[in-house]
């Protein structure tokens, strides 16, 4: 099943003129690349997996991952900068959650490929 439309495929063969569709594809590729870079760090990926389940506090994330607070906060700051997580403050406690369903969908696919018990036992 092709990923690119036949129109974009034709444009790629025809030469240097870039249509609005190809220009949009290129901009979207940049966004996807930035998204994948954010996921490429083990701790950030673990944080996103935990947040895919439910909203969690920084302290809860530290305890689950057995990481120091500065490490967790640094990775959460990167995820926040990349618009992958959002925050909510309740008194002194900051809670993190996934920013949108697109993030949840990607994390779900990654989890199903690499982490589900049935898939892991087959590899």
PDB file of N, CA and C in Angstrom:
ATOM      1  N   UNK A   1       0.847  -1.175   0.000  1.00  0.00           N
ATOM      2  CA  UNK A   1       0.000   0.000   0.000  1.00  0.00           C
ATOM      3  C   UNK A   1       0.896   1.243   0.000  1.00  0.00           C
ATOM      4  N   UNK A   2       0.752   2.123  -0.986  1.00  0.00           N
ATOM      5  CA  UNK A   2       1.601   3.316  -1.065  1.00  0.00           C
ATOM      6  C   UNK A   2       1.310   4.307   0.059  1.00  0.00           C
ATOM      7  N   UNK A   3       2.346   4.993   0.471  1.00  0.00           N
ATOM      8  CA  UNK A   3       2.205   6.004   1.522  1.00  0.00           C
ATOM      9  C   UNK A   3       1.971   7.377   0.888  1.00  0.00           C
ATOM     10  N   UNK A   4       2.777   7.704  -0.124  1.00  0.00           N
ATOM     11  CA  UNK A   4       2.640   8.994  -0.802  1.00  0.00           C
ATOM     12  C   UNK A   4       1.560   8.920  -1.867  1.00  0.00           C
ATOM     13  N   UNK A   5       0.876  10.050  -2.062  1.00  0.00           N
ATOM     14  CA  UNK A   5      -0.125  10.087  -3.116  1.00  0.00           C
ATOM     15  C   UNK A   5       0.563  10.019  -4.476  1.00  0.00           C
ATOM     16  N   UNK A   6      -0.149   9.562  -5.483  1.00  0.00           N
ATOM     17  CA  UNK A   6       0.429   9.483  -6.829  1.00  0.00           C
ATOM     18  C   UNK A   6       0.795  10.873  -7.335  1.00  0.00           C
ATOM     19  N   UNK A   7       0.049  11.877  -6.916  1.00  0.00           N
ATOM     20  CA  UNK A   7       0.353  13.258  -7.339  1.00  0.00           C
ATOM     21  C   UNK A   7       1.732  13.689  -6.828  1.00  0.00           C
ATOM     22  N   UNK A   8       2.012  13.412  -5.593  1.00  0.00           N
ATOM     23  CA  UNK A   8       3.323  13.775  -5.032  1.00  0.00           C
ATOM     24  C   UNK A   8       4.408  12.930  -5.687  1.00  0.00           C
ATOM     25  N   UNK A   9       4.151  11.659  -5.885  1.00  0.00           N
ATOM     26  CA  UNK A   9       5.120  10.791  -6.579  1.00  0.00           C
ATOM     27  C   UNK A   9       5.446  11.348  -7.960  1.00  0.00           C
ATOM     28  N   UNK A  10       4.436  11.782  -8.701  1.00  0.00           N
ATOM     29  CA  UNK A  10       4.652  12.358 -10.029  1.00  0.00           C
ATOM     30  C   UNK A  10       5.498  13.621  -9.946  1.00  0.00           C
ATOM     31  N   UNK A  11       5.221  14.464  -8.971  1.00  0.00           N
ATOM     32  CA  UNK A  11       5.985  15.702  -8.803  1.00  0.00           C
ATOM     33  C   UNK A  11       7.452  15.413  -8.496  1.00  0.00           C
ATOM     34  N   UNK A  12       7.699  14.398  -7.703  1.00  0.00           N
ATOM     35  CA  UNK A  12       9.078  14.043  -7.368  1.00  0.00           C
ATOM     36  C   UNK A  12       9.849  13.606  -8.617  1.00  0.00           C
ATOM     37  N   UNK A  13       9.168  12.962  -9.551  1.00  0.00           N
ATOM     38  CA  UNK A  13       9.812  12.508 -10.785  1.00  0.00           C
ATOM     39  C   UNK A  13      10.000  13.649 -11.776  1.00  0.00           C
ATOM     40  N   UNK A  14       9.120  14.642 -11.744  1.00  0.00           N
ATOM     41  CA  UNK A  14       9.116  15.702 -12.762  1.00  0.00           C
ATOM     42  C   UNK A  14      10.181  16.762 -12.571  1.00  0.00           C
ATOM     43  N   UNK A  15      10.640  17.009 -11.374  1.00  0.00           N
ATOM     44  CA  UNK A  15      11.704  17.989 -11.242  1.00  0.00           C
ATOM     45  C   UNK A  15      11.578  18.912 -10.064  1.00  0.00           C
ATOM     46  N   UNK A  16      12.251  20.073 -10.147  1.00  0.00           N
ATOM     47  CA  UNK A  16      12.453  20.932  -8.993  1.00  0.00           C
ATOM     48  C   UNK A  16      11.244  21.753  -8.546  1.00  0.00           C
ATOM     49  N   UNK A  17      10.189  21.845  -9.341  1.00  0.00           N
ATOM     50  CA  UNK A  17       9.017  22.615  -8.926  1.00  0.00           C
ATOM     51  C   UNK A  17       8.351  21.931  -7.733  1.00  0.00           C
ATOM     52  N   UNK A  18       8.082  22.703  -6.702  1.00  0.00           N
ATOM     53  CA  UNK A  18       7.467  22.139  -5.505  1.00  0.00           C
ATOM     54  C   UNK A  18       6.043  22.658  -5.388  1.00  0.00           C
ATOM     55  N   UNK A  19       5.108  21.747  -5.344  1.00  0.00           N
ATOM     56  CA  UNK A  19       3.698  22.109  -5.203  1.00  0.00           C
ATOM     57  C   UNK A  19       3.386  22.384  -3.739  1.00  0.00           C
ATOM     58  N   UNK A  20       2.238  22.964  -3.487  1.00  0.00           N
ATOM     59  CA  UNK A  20       1.827  23.163  -2.092  1.00  0.00           C
ATOM     60  C   UNK A  20       1.723  21.841  -1.325  1.00  0.00           C
ATOM     61  N   UNK A  21       1.286  20.775  -2.003  1.00  0.00           N
ATOM     62  CA  UNK A  21       1.161  19.474  -1.339  1.00  0.00           C
ATOM     63  C   UNK A  21       2.524  18.932  -0.915  1.00  0.00           C
ATOM     64  N   UNK A  22       3.512  19.053  -1.826  1.00  0.00           N
ATOM     65  CA  UNK A  22       4.852  18.571  -1.495  1.00  0.00           C
ATOM     66  C   UNK A  22       5.484  19.440  -0.422  1.00  0.00           C
ATOM     67  N   UNK A  23       5.253  20.742  -0.490  1.00  0.00           N
ATOM     68  CA  UNK A  23       5.760  21.648   0.534  1.00  0.00           C
ATOM     69  C   UNK A  23       5.179  21.288   1.901  1.00  0.00           C
ATOM     70  N   UNK A  24       3.892  20.986   1.937  1.00  0.00           N
ATOM     71  CA  UNK A  24       3.249  20.586   3.195  1.00  0.00           C
ATOM     72  C   UNK A  24       3.824  19.270   3.695  1.00  0.00           C
ATOM     73  N   UNK A  25       4.053  18.332   2.790  1.00  0.00           N
ATOM     74  CA  UNK A  25       4.648  17.055   3.171  1.00  0.00           C
ATOM     75  C   UNK A  25       6.023  17.274   3.797  1.00  0.00           C
ATOM     76  N   UNK A  26       6.802  18.177   3.235  1.00  0.00           N
ATOM     77  CA  UNK A  26       8.132  18.465   3.762  1.00  0.00           C
ATOM     78  C   UNK A  26       8.049  19.085   5.161  1.00  0.00           C
ATOM     79  N   UNK A  27       7.085  20.007   5.371  1.00  0.00           N
ATOM     80  CA  UNK A  27       6.910  20.605   6.695  1.00  0.00           C
ATOM     81  C   UNK A  27       6.458  19.557   7.714  1.00  0.00           C
ATOM     82  N   UNK A  28       5.563  18.686   7.285  1.00  0.00           N
ATOM     83  CA  UNK A  28       5.097  17.624   8.181  1.00  0.00           C
ATOM     84  C   UNK A  28       6.222  16.647   8.519  1.00  0.00           C
ATOM     85  N   UNK A  29       7.101  16.401   7.550  1.00  0.00           N
ATOM     86  CA  UNK A  29       8.246  15.516   7.807  1.00  0.00           C
ATOM     87  C   UNK A  29       9.142  16.114   8.886  1.00  0.00           C
ATOM     88  N   UNK A  30       9.312  17.418   8.885  1.00  0.00           N
ATOM     89  CA  UNK A  30      10.114  18.097   9.920  1.00  0.00           C
ATOM     90  C   UNK A  30       9.464  17.918  11.292  1.00  0.00           C
ATOM     91  N   UNK A  31       8.146  18.099  11.354  1.00  0.00           N
ATOM     92  CA  UNK A  31       7.430  17.912  12.620  1.00  0.00           C
ATOM     93  C   UNK A  31       7.559  16.470  13.102  1.00  0.00           C
ATOM     94  N   UNK A  32       7.415  15.523  12.202  1.00  0.00           N
ATOM     95  CA  UNK A  32       7.532  14.109  12.564  1.00  0.00           C
ATOM     96  C   UNK A  32       8.944  13.800  13.049  1.00  0.00           C
ATOM     97  N   UNK A  33       9.936  14.373  12.385  1.00  0.00           N
ATOM     98  CA  UNK A  33      11.327  14.163  12.781  1.00  0.00           C
ATOM     99  C   UNK A  33      11.579  14.694  14.194  1.00  0.00           C
ATOM    100  N   UNK A  34      11.071  15.888  14.485  1.00  0.00           N
ATOM    101  CA  UNK A  34      11.226  16.466  15.824  1.00  0.00           C
ATOM    102  C   UNK A  34      10.528  15.592  16.867  1.00  0.00           C
ATOM    103  N   UNK A  35       9.358  15.099  16.534  1.00  0.00           N
ATOM    104  CA  UNK A  35       8.609  14.222  17.427  1.00  0.00           C
ATOM    105  C   UNK A  35       9.400  12.952  17.718  1.00  0.00           C
ATOM    106  N   UNK A  36       9.962  12.334  16.672  1.00  0.00           N
ATOM    107  CA  UNK A  36      10.721  11.096  16.849  1.00  0.00           C
ATOM    108  C   UNK A  36      12.010  11.328  17.629  1.00  0.00           C
ATOM    109  N   UNK A  37      12.628  12.501  17.472  1.00  0.00           N
ATOM    110  CA  UNK A  37      13.812  12.825  18.269  1.00  0.00           C
ATOM    111  C   UNK A  37      13.466  12.878  19.748  1.00  0.00           C
ATOM    112  N   UNK A  38      12.314  13.440  20.071  1.00  0.00           N
ATOM    113  CA  UNK A  38      11.891  13.514  21.466  1.00  0.00           C
ATOM    114  C   UNK A  38      11.668  12.111  22.030  1.00  0.00           C
ATOM    115  N   UNK A  39      11.166  11.199  21.199  1.00  0.00           N
ATOM    116  CA  UNK A  39      10.915   9.826  21.642  1.00  0.00           C
ATOM    117  C   UNK A  39      12.183   8.990  21.725  1.00  0.00           C
ATOM    118  N   UNK A  40      13.254   9.453  21.108  1.00  0.00           N
ATOM    119  CA  UNK A  40      14.444   8.621  20.963  1.00  0.00           C
ATOM    120  C   UNK A  40      15.271   8.462  22.239  1.00  0.00           C
ATOM    121  N   UNK A  41      14.914   9.129  23.295  1.00  0.00           N
ATOM    122  CA  UNK A  41      15.618   9.009  24.567  1.00  0.00           C
ATOM    123  C   UNK A  41      14.858   8.033  25.463  1.00  0.00           C
ATOM    124  N   UNK A  42      15.566   7.062  26.010  1.00  0.00           N
ATOM    125  CA  UNK A  42      14.935   5.991  26.797  1.00  0.00           C
ATOM    126  C   UNK A  42      14.078   6.514  27.942  1.00  0.00           C
ATOM    127  N   UNK A  43      14.596   7.465  28.720  1.00  0.00           N
ATOM    128  CA  UNK A  43      13.829   7.974  29.858  1.00  0.00           C
ATOM    129  C   UNK A  43      12.602   8.750  29.414  1.00  0.00           C
ATOM    130  N   UNK A  44      12.731   9.536  28.338  1.00  0.00           N
ATOM    131  CA  UNK A  44      11.559  10.270  27.838  1.00  0.00           C
ATOM    132  C   UNK A  44      10.488   9.301  27.354  1.00  0.00           C
ATOM    133  N   UNK A  45      10.911   8.243  26.690  1.00  0.00           N
ATOM    134  CA  UNK A  45       9.960   7.248  26.205  1.00  0.00           C
ATOM    135  C   UNK A  45       9.255   6.561  27.384  1.00  0.00           C
ATOM    136  N   UNK A  46      10.007   6.223  28.411  1.00  0.00           N
ATOM    137  CA  UNK A  46       9.402   5.629  29.611  1.00  0.00           C
ATOM    138  C   UNK A  46       8.403   6.583  30.265  1.00  0.00           C
ATOM    139  N   UNK A  47       8.773   7.851  30.352  1.00  0.00           N
ATOM    140  CA  UNK A  47       7.861   8.838  30.927  1.00  0.00           C
ATOM    141  C   UNK A  47       6.566   8.911  30.127  1.00  0.00           C
ATOM    142  N   UNK A  48       6.682   8.928  28.806  1.00  0.00           N
ATOM    143  CA  UNK A  48       5.485   8.993  27.969  1.00  0.00           C
ATOM    144  C   UNK A  48       4.626   7.739  28.126  1.00  0.00           C
ATOM    145  N   UNK A  49       5.264   6.595  28.250  1.00  0.00           N
ATOM    146  CA  UNK A  49       4.511   5.351  28.476  1.00  0.00           C
ATOM    147  C   UNK A  49       3.728   5.425  29.782  1.00  0.00           C
ATOM    148  N   UNK A  50       4.362   5.909  30.822  1.00  0.00           N
ATOM    149  CA  UNK A  50       3.683   6.028  32.112  1.00  0.00           C
ATOM    150  C   UNK A  50       2.548   7.049  32.052  1.00  0.00           C
ATOM    151  N   UNK A  51       2.762   8.124  31.330  1.00  0.00           N
ATOM    152  CA  UNK A  51       1.735   9.155  31.224  1.00  0.00           C
ATOM    153  C   UNK A  51       0.597   8.743  30.288  1.00  0.00           C
ATOM    154  N   UNK A  52       0.853   7.770  29.439  1.00  0.00           N
ATOM    155  CA  UNK A  52      -0.209   7.260  28.565  1.00  0.00           C
ATOM    156  C   UNK A  52      -1.285   6.567  29.391  1.00  0.00           C
ATOM    157  N   UNK A  53      -0.899   6.048  30.559  1.00  0.00           N
ATOM    158  CA  UNK A  53      -1.844   5.377  31.453  1.00  0.00           C
ATOM    159  C   UNK A  53      -2.748   6.380  32.154  1.00  0.00           C
ATOM    160  N   UNK A  54      -2.097   7.444  32.689  1.00  0.00           N
ATOM    161  CA  UNK A  54      -2.850   8.464  33.429  1.00  0.00           C
ATOM    162  C   UNK A  54      -1.927   9.613  33.803  1.00  0.00           C
ATOM    163  N   UNK A  55      -2.522  10.682  34.269  1.00  0.00           N
ATOM    164  CA  UNK A  55      -1.784  11.832  34.776  1.00  0.00           C
ATOM    165  C   UNK A  55      -0.981  11.400  36.006  1.00  0.00           C
ATOM    166  N   UNK A  56       0.259  11.921  36.119  1.00  0.00           N
ATOM    167  CA  UNK A  56       1.106  11.561  37.265  1.00  0.00           C
ATOM    168  C   UNK A  56       1.898  12.776  37.738  1.00  0.00           C
ATOM    169  N   UNK A  57       2.237  12.763  39.026  1.00  0.00           N
ATOM    170  CA  UNK A  57       3.058  13.835  39.585  1.00  0.00           C
ATOM    171  C   UNK A  57       4.534  13.534  39.327  1.00  0.00           C
ATOM    172  N   UNK A  58       5.354  14.552  39.441  1.00  0.00           N
ATOM    173  CA  UNK A  58       6.798  14.381  39.277  1.00  0.00           C
ATOM    174  C   UNK A  58       7.318  13.380  40.308  1.00  0.00           C
ATOM    175  N   UNK A  59       6.878  13.502  41.539  1.00  0.00           N
ATOM    176  CA  UNK A  59       7.329  12.588  42.598  1.00  0.00           C
ATOM    177  C   UNK A  59       6.959  11.151  42.270  1.00  0.00           C
ATOM    178  N   UNK A  60       5.757  10.941  41.782  1.00  0.00           N
ATOM    179  CA  UNK A  60       5.331   9.590  41.414  1.00  0.00           C
ATOM    180  C   UNK A  60       6.209   9.037  40.290  1.00  0.00           C
ATOM    181  N   UNK A  61       6.515   9.855  39.316  1.00  0.00           N
ATOM    182  CA  UNK A  61       7.374   9.421  38.208  1.00  0.00           C
ATOM    183  C   UNK A  61       8.782   9.100  38.704  1.00  0.00           C
ATOM    184  N   UNK A  62       9.309   9.924  39.599  1.00  0.00           N
ATOM    185  CA  UNK A  62      10.633   9.658  40.185  1.00  0.00           C
ATOM    186  C   UNK A  62      10.659   8.297  40.867  1.00  0.00           C
ATOM    187  N   UNK A  63       9.640   8.024  41.663  1.00  0.00           N
ATOM    188  CA  UNK A  63       9.585   6.775  42.426  1.00  0.00           C
ATOM    189  C   UNK A  63       9.442   5.560  41.512  1.00  0.00           C
ATOM    190  N   UNK A  64       8.609   5.650  40.507  1.00  0.00           N
ATOM    191  CA  UNK A  64       8.396   4.519  39.599  1.00  0.00           C
ATOM    192  C   UNK A  64       9.685   4.193  38.848  1.00  0.00           C
ATOM    193  N   UNK A  65      10.367   5.219  38.362  1.00  0.00           N
ATOM    194  CA  UNK A  65      11.554   5.020  37.534  1.00  0.00           C
ATOM    195  C   UNK A  65      12.848   4.939  38.334  1.00  0.00           C
ATOM    196  N   UNK A  66      12.767   5.190  39.628  1.00  0.00           N
ATOM    197  CA  UNK A  66      13.965   5.221  40.493  1.00  0.00           C
ATOM    198  C   UNK A  66      15.021   6.172  39.932  1.00  0.00           C
ATOM    199  N   UNK A  67      14.562   7.336  39.515  1.00  0.00           N
ATOM    200  CA  UNK A  67      15.454   8.370  39.012  1.00  0.00           C
ATOM    201  C   UNK A  67      15.412   9.563  39.947  1.00  0.00           C
ATOM    202  N   UNK A  68      16.476  10.343  39.925  1.00  0.00           N
ATOM    203  CA  UNK A  68      16.534  11.551  40.750  1.00  0.00           C
ATOM    204  C   UNK A  68      15.650  12.629  40.153  1.00  0.00           C
ATOM    205  N   UNK A  69      15.162  13.517  41.023  1.00  0.00           N
ATOM    206  CA  UNK A  69      14.250  14.578  40.603  1.00  0.00           C
ATOM    207  C   UNK A  69      14.811  15.446  39.481  1.00  0.00           C
ATOM    208  N   UNK A  70      16.081  15.866  39.530  1.00  0.00           N
ATOM    209  CA  UNK A  70      16.591  16.700  38.433  1.00  0.00           C
ATOM    210  C   UNK A  70      16.548  15.985  37.073  1.00  0.00           C
ATOM    211  N   UNK A  71      16.811  14.690  37.073  1.00  0.00           N
ATOM    212  CA  UNK A  71      16.780  13.925  35.824  1.00  0.00           C
ATOM    213  C   UNK A  71      15.366  13.870  35.263  1.00  0.00           C
ATOM    214  N   UNK A  72      14.410  13.554  36.112  1.00  0.00           N
ATOM    215  CA  UNK A  72      13.009  13.480  35.678  1.00  0.00           C
ATOM    216  C   UNK A  72      12.542  14.847  35.200  1.00  0.00           C
ATOM    217  N   UNK A  73      12.841  15.878  35.967  1.00  0.00           N
ATOM    218  CA  UNK A  73      12.404  17.232  35.599  1.00  0.00           C
ATOM    219  C   UNK A  73      13.016  17.690  34.279  1.00  0.00           C
ATOM    220  N   UNK A  74      14.274  17.361  34.057  1.00  0.00           N
ATOM    221  CA  UNK A  74      14.937  17.735  32.810  1.00  0.00           C
ATOM    222  C   UNK A  74      14.240  17.082  31.612  1.00  0.00           C
ATOM    223  N   UNK A  75      13.933  15.798  31.729  1.00  0.00           N
ATOM    224  CA  UNK A  75      13.284  15.092  30.618  1.00  0.00           C
ATOM    225  C   UNK A  75      11.850  15.570  30.420  1.00  0.00           C
ATOM    226  N   UNK A  76      11.150  15.844  31.501  1.00  0.00           N
ATOM    227  CA  UNK A  76       9.791  16.382  31.387  1.00  0.00           C
ATOM    228  C   UNK A  76       9.802  17.767  30.751  1.00  0.00           C
ATOM    229  N   UNK A  77      10.819  18.567  31.075  1.00  0.00           N
ATOM    230  CA  UNK A  77      10.934  19.891  30.468  1.00  0.00           C
ATOM    231  C   UNK A  77      11.120  19.776  28.959  1.00  0.00           C
ATOM    232  N   UNK A  78      11.930  18.828  28.534  1.00  0.00           N
ATOM    233  CA  UNK A  78      12.124  18.611  27.090  1.00  0.00           C
ATOM    234  C   UNK A  78      10.808  18.188  26.426  1.00  0.00           C
ATOM    235  N   UNK A  79      10.082  17.268  27.061  1.00  0.00           N
ATOM    236  CA  UNK A  79       8.802  16.815  26.519  1.00  0.00           C
ATOM    237  C   UNK A  79       7.788  17.954  26.468  1.00  0.00           C
ATOM    238  N   UNK A  80       7.851  18.805  27.460  1.00  0.00           N
ATOM    239  CA  UNK A  80       6.947  19.967  27.488  1.00  0.00           C
ATOM    240  C   UNK A  80       7.316  20.959  26.381  1.00  0.00           C
ATOM    241  N   UNK A  81       8.599  21.189  26.189  1.00  0.00           N
ATOM    242  CA  UNK A  81       9.076  22.074  25.129  1.00  0.00           C
ATOM    243  C   UNK A  81       8.641  21.570  23.750  1.00  0.00           C
ATOM    244  N   UNK A  82       8.617  20.244  23.597  1.00  0.00           N
ATOM    245  CA  UNK A  82       8.203  19.629  22.332  1.00  0.00           C
ATOM    246  C   UNK A  82       6.686  19.457  22.228  1.00  0.00           C
ATOM    247  N   UNK A  83       5.956  20.011  23.201  1.00  0.00           N
ATOM    248  CA  UNK A  83       4.482  19.954  23.221  1.00  0.00           C
ATOM    249  C   UNK A  83       3.944  18.529  23.259  1.00  0.00           C
ATOM    250  N   UNK A  84       4.661  17.629  23.933  1.00  0.00           N
ATOM    251  CA  UNK A  84       4.194  16.248  24.062  1.00  0.00           C
ATOM    252  C   UNK A  84       3.479  16.014  25.386  1.00  0.00           C
ATOM    253  N   UNK A  85       3.746  16.871  26.381  1.00  0.00           N
ATOM    254  CA  UNK A  85       3.067  16.768  27.668  1.00  0.00           C
ATOM    255  C   UNK A  85       2.555  18.137  28.086  1.00  0.00           C
ATOM    256  N   UNK A  86       1.564  18.114  28.963  1.00  0.00           N
ATOM    257  CA  UNK A  86       1.034  19.340  29.563  1.00  0.00           C
ATOM    258  C   UNK A  86       1.097  19.191  31.076  1.00  0.00           C
ATOM    259  N   UNK A  87       0.935  20.309  31.764  1.00  0.00           N
ATOM    260  CA  UNK A  87       1.013  20.291  33.222  1.00  0.00           C
ATOM    261  C   UNK A  87      -0.246  20.863  33.852  1.00  0.00           C
ATOM    262  N   UNK A  88      -0.424  20.461  35.095  1.00  0.00           N
ATOM    263  CA  UNK A  88      -1.493  21.000  35.939  1.00  0.00           C
ATOM    264  C   UNK A  88      -0.925  21.108  37.337  1.00  0.00           C
ATOM    265  N   UNK A  89      -1.119  22.249  37.953  1.00  0.00           N
ATOM    266  CA  UNK A  89      -0.602  22.455  39.317  1.00  0.00           C
ATOM    267  C   UNK A  89      -1.743  22.328  40.320  1.00  0.00           C
ATOM    268  N   UNK A  90      -1.453  21.596  41.399  1.00  0.00           N
ATOM    269  CA  UNK A  90      -2.389  21.480  42.514  1.00  0.00           C
ATOM    270  C   UNK A  90      -1.587  21.771  43.774  1.00  0.00           C
ATOM    271  N   UNK A  91      -1.665  23.002  44.243  1.00  0.00           N
ATOM    272  CA  UNK A  91      -0.824  23.420  45.368  1.00  0.00           C
ATOM    273  C   UNK A  91       0.630  23.425  44.940  1.00  0.00           C
ATOM    274  N   UNK A  92       1.463  22.656  45.641  1.00  0.00           N
ATOM    275  CA  UNK A  92       2.882  22.572  45.297  1.00  0.00           C
ATOM    276  C   UNK A  92       3.181  21.432  44.323  1.00  0.00           C
ATOM    277  N   UNK A  93       2.189  20.609  44.051  1.00  0.00           N
ATOM    278  CA  UNK A  93       2.405  19.439  43.215  1.00  0.00           C
ATOM    279  C   UNK A  93       2.081  19.753  41.752  1.00  0.00           C
ATOM    280  N   UNK A  94       2.998  19.348  40.876  1.00  0.00           N
ATOM    281  CA  UNK A  94       2.785  19.510  39.435  1.00  0.00           C
ATOM    282  C   UNK A  94       2.484  18.137  38.850  1.00  0.00           C
ATOM    283  N   UNK A  95       1.391  18.066  38.119  1.00  0.00           N
ATOM    284  CA  UNK A  95       0.985  16.830  37.469  1.00  0.00           C
ATOM    285  C   UNK A  95       1.220  16.952  35.971  1.00  0.00           C
ATOM    286  N   UNK A  96       1.697  15.867  35.384  1.00  0.00           N
ATOM    287  CA  UNK A  96       1.944  15.818  33.946  1.00  0.00           C
ATOM    288  C   UNK A  96       0.982  14.839  33.290  1.00  0.00           C
ATOM    289  N   UNK A  97       0.607  15.159  32.057  1.00  0.00           N
ATOM    290  CA  UNK A  97      -0.218  14.259  31.252  1.00  0.00           C
ATOM    291  C   UNK A  97       0.182  14.436  29.795  1.00  0.00           C
ATOM    292  N   UNK A  98      -0.230  13.496  28.960  1.00  0.00           N
ATOM    293  CA  UNK A  98       0.066  13.612  27.532  1.00  0.00           C
ATOM    294  C   UNK A  98      -0.689  14.795  26.948  1.00  0.00           C
ATOM    295  N   UNK A  99      -0.067  15.453  25.993  1.00  0.00           N
ATOM    296  CA  UNK A  99      -0.642  16.668  25.432  1.00  0.00           C
ATOM    297  C   UNK A  99      -1.827  16.413  24.512  1.00  0.00           C
ATOM    298  N   UNK A 100      -1.823  15.257  23.831  1.00  0.00           N
ATOM    299  CA  UNK A 100      -2.916  14.997  22.892  1.00  0.00           C
ATOM    300  C   UNK A 100      -3.003  13.516  22.541  1.00  0.00           C
ATOM    301  N   UNK A 101      -4.051  13.173  21.822  1.00  0.00           N
ATOM    302  CA  UNK A 101      -4.271  11.771  21.466  1.00  0.00           C
ATOM    303  C   UNK A 101      -3.276  11.257  20.435  1.00  0.00           C
ATOM    304  N   UNK A 102      -2.686  12.138  19.630  1.00  0.00           N
ATOM    305  CA  UNK A 102      -1.675  11.679  18.675  1.00  0.00           C
ATOM    306  C   UNK A 102      -0.484  11.069  19.411  1.00  0.00           C
ATOM    307  N   UNK A 103      -0.066  11.704  20.489  1.00  0.00           N
ATOM    308  CA  UNK A 103       1.045  11.178  21.292  1.00  0.00           C
ATOM    309  C   UNK A 103       0.639   9.822  21.869  1.00  0.00           C
ATOM    310  N   UNK A 104      -0.564   9.743  22.405  1.00  0.00           N
ATOM    311  CA  UNK A 104      -1.059   8.486  22.989  1.00  0.00           C
ATOM    312  C   UNK A 104      -1.102   7.379  21.943  1.00  0.00           C
ATOM    313  N   UNK A 105      -1.532   7.690  20.733  1.00  0.00           N
ATOM    314  CA  UNK A 105      -1.613   6.676  19.671  1.00  0.00           C
ATOM    315  C   UNK A 105      -0.235   6.142  19.312  1.00  0.00           C
ATOM    316  N   UNK A 106       0.752   7.021  19.186  1.00  0.00           N
ATOM    317  CA  UNK A 106       2.108   6.582  18.835  1.00  0.00           C
ATOM    318  C   UNK A 106       2.696   5.742  19.964  1.00  0.00           C
ATOM    319  N   UNK A 107       2.529   6.177  21.189  1.00  0.00           N
ATOM    320  CA  UNK A 107       3.035   5.419  22.332  1.00  0.00           C
ATOM    321  C   UNK A 107       2.360   4.052  22.387  1.00  0.00           C
ATOM    322  N   UNK A 108       1.090   4.012  22.091  1.00  0.00           N
ATOM    323  CA  UNK A 108       0.357   2.742  22.087  1.00  0.00           C
ATOM    324  C   UNK A 108       0.916   1.774  21.044  1.00  0.00           C
ATOM    325  N   UNK A 109       1.241   2.282  19.860  1.00  0.00           N
ATOM    326  CA  UNK A 109       1.814   1.432  18.813  1.00  0.00           C
ATOM    327  C   UNK A 109       3.192   0.930  19.230  1.00  0.00           C
ATOM    328  N   UNK A 110       4.017   1.814  19.758  1.00  0.00           N
ATOM    329  CA  UNK A 110       5.348   1.415  20.220  1.00  0.00           C
ATOM    330  C   UNK A 110       5.219   0.355  21.315  1.00  0.00           C
ATOM    331  N   UNK A 111       4.293   0.584  22.229  1.00  0.00           N
ATOM    332  CA  UNK A 111       4.085  -0.388  23.304  1.00  0.00           C
ATOM    333  C   UNK A 111       3.652  -1.736  22.744  1.00  0.00           C
ATOM    334  N   UNK A 112       2.730  -1.725  21.808  1.00  0.00           N
ATOM    335  CA  UNK A 112       2.235  -2.996  21.270  1.00  0.00           C
ATOM    336  C   UNK A 112       3.321  -3.757  20.516  1.00  0.00           C
ATOM    337  N   UNK A 113       4.233  -3.058  19.890  1.00  0.00           N
ATOM    338  CA  UNK A 113       5.317  -3.721  19.153  1.00  0.00           C
ATOM    339  C   UNK A 113       6.401  -4.240  20.097  1.00  0.00           C
ATOM    340  N   UNK A 114       6.803  -3.423  21.071  1.00  0.00           N
ATOM    341  CA  UNK A 114       7.983  -3.749  21.874  1.00  0.00           C
ATOM    342  C   UNK A 114       7.712  -4.231  23.294  1.00  0.00           C
ATOM    343  N   UNK A 115       6.538  -3.956  23.834  1.00  0.00           N
ATOM    344  CA  UNK A 115       6.367  -4.193  25.266  1.00  0.00           C
ATOM    345  C   UNK A 115       5.283  -5.188  25.650  1.00  0.00           C
ATOM    346  N   UNK A 116       4.320  -5.429  24.818  1.00  0.00           N
ATOM    347  CA  UNK A 116       3.264  -6.357  25.191  1.00  0.00           C
ATOM    348  C   UNK A 116       3.857  -7.745  25.410  1.00  0.00           C
ATOM    349  N   UNK A 117       3.429  -8.420  26.449  1.00  0.00           N
ATOM    350  CA  UNK A 117       3.998  -9.739  26.776  1.00  0.00           C
ATOM    351  C   UNK A 117       3.956 -10.747  25.610  1.00  0.00           C
ATOM    352  N   UNK A 118       2.860 -10.816  24.888  1.00  0.00           N
ATOM    353  CA  UNK A 118       2.768 -11.777  23.777  1.00  0.00           C
ATOM    354  C   UNK A 118       3.780 -11.459  22.689  1.00  0.00           C
ATOM    355  N   UNK A 119       3.924 -10.179  22.367  1.00  0.00           N
ATOM    356  CA  UNK A 119       4.872  -9.782  21.320  1.00  0.00           C
ATOM    357  C   UNK A 119       6.300 -10.031  21.771  1.00  0.00           C
ATOM    358  N   UNK A 120       6.593  -9.761  23.032  1.00  0.00           N
ATOM    359  CA  UNK A 120       7.954  -9.945  23.536  1.00  0.00           C
ATOM    360  C   UNK A 120       8.362 -11.414  23.551  1.00  0.00           C
ATOM    361  N   UNK A 121       7.417 -12.314  23.851  1.00  0.00           N
ATOM    362  CA  UNK A 121       7.757 -13.720  23.922  1.00  0.00           C
ATOM    363  C   UNK A 121       7.984 -14.345  22.551  1.00  0.00           C
ATOM    364  N   UNK A 122       7.428 -13.716  21.503  1.00  0.00           N
ATOM    365  CA  UNK A 122       7.590 -14.237  20.141  1.00  0.00           C
ATOM    366  C   UNK A 122       8.939 -13.870  19.537  1.00  0.00           C
ATOM    367  N   UNK A 123       9.600 -12.840  20.074  1.00  0.00           N
ATOM    368  CA  UNK A 123      10.864 -12.363  19.479  1.00  0.00           C
ATOM    369  C   UNK A 123      12.048 -13.076  20.019  1.00  0.00           C
TER     370      UNK A 123
END
